Amino acid sequence: MGLNIEETRIYQDLERQTKLKAVVCLLSMGYSISEVASSVDLSVEEVTKEVVNYQTHTGQDDRTE
């Protein structure tokens, strides 16, 4: 078919899922949203959206305990 593995949909989906998991991990380590975005090659908006999604699904908020 002439496709490179990196061009396949499944590869791209897995790469994105991996980046999103790294976002949660890096943020929990205290990195800023802009540092995380730069580290995982996502936009600040994408990282912020993932933070909101994570908090919504886990019932967490941004208050520290």
N, C-alpha and C. Protein backbone atom coordinates (compact mmCIF):
# COMPACT_ATOMS: atom_id res chain seq x y z
N MET A 1 0.81 -1.20 0.00
CA MET A 1 0.00 0.00 0.00
C MET A 1 0.85 1.26 0.00
N GLY A 2 2.12 1.13 0.35
CA GLY A 2 2.99 2.29 0.33
C GLY A 2 2.88 3.18 1.55
N LEU A 3 2.18 2.75 2.57
CA LEU A 3 2.06 3.57 3.78
C LEU A 3 3.20 3.26 4.74
N ASN A 4 3.72 4.29 5.32
CA ASN A 4 4.67 4.17 6.39
C ASN A 4 3.87 3.89 7.67
N ILE A 5 4.42 3.12 8.61
CA ILE A 5 3.69 2.77 9.83
C ILE A 5 3.20 4.03 10.56
N GLU A 6 4.01 5.09 10.56
CA GLU A 6 3.64 6.33 11.24
C GLU A 6 2.45 7.03 10.58
N GLU A 7 2.14 6.66 9.37
CA GLU A 7 1.02 7.29 8.66
C GLU A 7 -0.30 6.57 8.89
N THR A 8 -0.27 5.44 9.57
CA THR A 8 -1.51 4.69 9.77
C THR A 8 -2.34 5.29 10.90
N ARG A 9 -3.61 5.11 10.79
CA ARG A 9 -4.55 5.66 11.78
C ARG A 9 -4.31 5.05 13.16
N ILE A 10 -4.08 3.76 13.22
CA ILE A 10 -3.89 3.11 14.52
C ILE A 10 -2.62 3.62 15.21
N TYR A 11 -1.56 3.83 14.44
CA TYR A 11 -0.33 4.37 15.01
C TYR A 11 -0.58 5.77 15.56
N GLN A 12 -1.25 6.61 14.79
CA GLN A 12 -1.52 7.97 15.22
C GLN A 12 -2.41 8.00 16.45
N ASP A 13 -3.40 7.12 16.52
CA ASP A 13 -4.27 7.05 17.69
C ASP A 13 -3.49 6.62 18.93
N LEU A 14 -2.64 5.62 18.78
CA LEU A 14 -1.83 5.15 19.91
C LEU A 14 -0.84 6.21 20.37
N GLU A 15 -0.26 6.93 19.42
CA GLU A 15 0.66 8.00 19.77
C GLU A 15 -0.05 9.09 20.57
N ARG A 16 -1.25 9.45 20.13
CA ARG A 16 -2.02 10.48 20.84
C ARG A 16 -2.42 10.01 22.24
N GLN A 17 -2.86 8.77 22.37
CA GLN A 17 -3.22 8.24 23.68
C GLN A 17 -2.02 8.25 24.63
N THR A 18 -0.87 7.91 24.11
CA THR A 18 0.36 7.92 24.91
C THR A 18 0.69 9.33 25.37
N LYS A 19 0.56 10.29 24.49
CA LYS A 19 0.82 11.68 24.84
C LYS A 19 -0.14 12.16 25.92
N LEU A 20 -1.41 11.79 25.80
CA LEU A 20 -2.39 12.23 26.78
C LEU A 20 -2.14 11.61 28.14
N LYS A 21 -1.69 10.37 28.17
CA LYS A 21 -1.34 9.74 29.45
C LYS A 21 -0.13 10.44 30.06
N ALA A 22 0.82 10.83 29.22
CA ALA A 22 1.99 11.55 29.71
C ALA A 22 1.60 12.91 30.28
N VAL A 23 0.60 13.55 29.68
CA VAL A 23 0.12 14.85 30.17
C VAL A 23 -0.28 14.74 31.63
N VAL A 24 -1.11 13.77 31.95
CA VAL A 24 -1.59 13.59 33.32
C VAL A 24 -0.42 13.34 34.26
N CYS A 25 0.49 12.50 33.84
CA CYS A 25 1.64 12.15 34.66
C CYS A 25 2.53 13.37 34.92
N LEU A 26 2.86 14.09 33.88
CA LEU A 26 3.73 15.26 34.02
C LEU A 26 3.09 16.36 34.86
N LEU A 27 1.80 16.57 34.67
CA LEU A 27 1.11 17.58 35.47
C LEU A 27 1.09 17.20 36.95
N SER A 28 0.92 15.92 37.23
CA SER A 28 0.91 15.46 38.62
C SER A 28 2.29 15.60 39.26
N MET A 29 3.33 15.69 38.44
CA MET A 29 4.69 15.89 38.94
C MET A 29 5.00 17.36 39.16
N GLY A 30 4.05 18.24 38.81
CA GLY A 30 4.20 19.65 39.09
C GLY A 30 4.64 20.52 37.92
N TYR A 31 4.73 19.94 36.73
CA TYR A 31 5.09 20.74 35.57
C TYR A 31 3.92 21.62 35.17
N SER A 32 4.22 22.77 34.61
CA SER A 32 3.17 23.69 34.16
C SER A 32 2.54 23.17 32.87
N ILE A 33 1.37 23.69 32.55
CA ILE A 33 0.68 23.30 31.33
C ILE A 33 1.54 23.60 30.11
N SER A 34 2.19 24.76 30.09
CA SER A 34 3.01 25.10 28.93
C SER A 34 4.24 24.20 28.83
N GLU A 35 4.83 23.82 29.95
CA GLU A 35 5.97 22.89 29.94
C GLU A 35 5.54 21.52 29.42
N VAL A 36 4.39 21.06 29.87
CA VAL A 36 3.88 19.76 29.44
C VAL A 36 3.57 19.79 27.95
N ALA A 37 2.90 20.83 27.50
CA ALA A 37 2.55 20.96 26.08
C ALA A 37 3.80 20.88 25.21
N SER A 38 4.82 21.60 25.61
CA SER A 38 6.07 21.59 24.86
C SER A 38 6.72 20.21 24.89
N SER A 39 6.68 19.55 26.03
CA SER A 39 7.32 18.24 26.19
C SER A 39 6.68 17.15 25.35
N VAL A 40 5.37 17.18 25.23
CA VAL A 40 4.67 16.11 24.51
C VAL A 40 4.22 16.53 23.11
N ASP A 41 4.65 17.72 22.70
CA ASP A 41 4.36 18.22 21.35
C ASP A 41 2.85 18.33 21.09
N LEU A 42 2.16 18.94 22.06
CA LEU A 42 0.74 19.27 21.92
C LEU A 42 0.59 20.77 22.18
N SER A 43 -0.53 21.32 21.77
CA SER A 43 -0.78 22.73 22.05
C SER A 43 -1.23 22.89 23.50
N VAL A 44 -1.07 24.11 24.00
CA VAL A 44 -1.53 24.42 25.35
C VAL A 44 -3.03 24.15 25.45
N GLU A 45 -3.76 24.46 24.39
CA GLU A 45 -5.21 24.23 24.37
C GLU A 45 -5.54 22.74 24.51
N GLU A 46 -4.78 21.89 23.81
CA GLU A 46 -5.03 20.45 23.90
C GLU A 46 -4.73 19.93 25.30
N VAL A 47 -3.66 20.42 25.91
CA VAL A 47 -3.31 19.99 27.26
C VAL A 47 -4.37 20.47 28.25
N THR A 48 -4.80 21.71 28.10
CA THR A 48 -5.84 22.26 28.98
C THR A 48 -7.12 21.44 28.85
N LYS A 49 -7.49 21.10 27.64
CA LYS A 49 -8.69 20.29 27.41
C LYS A 49 -8.55 18.93 28.10
N GLU A 50 -7.38 18.33 28.03
CA GLU A 50 -7.16 17.04 28.68
C GLU A 50 -7.25 17.16 30.19
N VAL A 51 -6.77 18.25 30.75
CA VAL A 51 -6.87 18.49 32.19
C VAL A 51 -8.34 18.54 32.60
N VAL A 52 -9.13 19.28 31.85
CA VAL A 52 -10.57 19.40 32.15
C VAL A 52 -11.24 18.03 32.03
N ASN A 53 -10.93 17.30 30.96
CA ASN A 53 -11.51 15.96 30.79
C ASN A 53 -11.12 15.03 31.93
N TYR A 54 -9.87 15.08 32.34
CA TYR A 54 -9.39 14.23 33.42
C TYR A 54 -10.11 14.55 34.72
N GLN A 55 -10.22 15.85 35.02
CA GLN A 55 -10.88 16.27 36.25
C GLN A 55 -12.35 15.89 36.24
N THR A 56 -12.98 16.01 35.10
CA THR A 56 -14.40 15.66 34.98
C THR A 56 -14.62 14.16 35.20
N HIS A 57 -13.75 13.35 34.61
CA HIS A 57 -13.91 11.90 34.70
C HIS A 57 -13.47 11.31 36.03
N THR A 58 -12.62 12.02 36.76
CA THR A 58 -12.14 11.50 38.05
C THR A 58 -12.80 12.18 39.23
N GLY A 59 -13.58 13.21 38.95
CA GLY A 59 -14.25 13.93 40.03
C GLY A 59 -13.31 14.84 40.80
N GLN A 60 -12.14 15.11 40.23
CA GLN A 60 -11.16 15.98 40.89
C GLN A 60 -11.38 17.41 40.46
N ASP A 61 -10.88 18.32 41.27
CA ASP A 61 -10.85 19.73 40.87
C ASP A 61 -9.44 20.23 41.03
N ASP A 62 -9.22 21.50 40.78
CA ASP A 62 -7.86 22.03 40.79
C ASP A 62 -7.42 22.56 42.14
N ARG A 63 -8.18 22.30 43.19
CA ARG A 63 -7.79 22.72 44.53
C ARG A 63 -6.76 21.74 45.08
N THR A 64 -5.77 22.27 45.76
CA THR A 64 -4.79 21.39 46.40
C THR A 64 -5.27 21.04 47.79
N GLU A 65 -4.85 19.88 48.22
CA GLU A 65 -5.29 19.42 49.55
C GLU A 65 -4.20 19.62 50.55
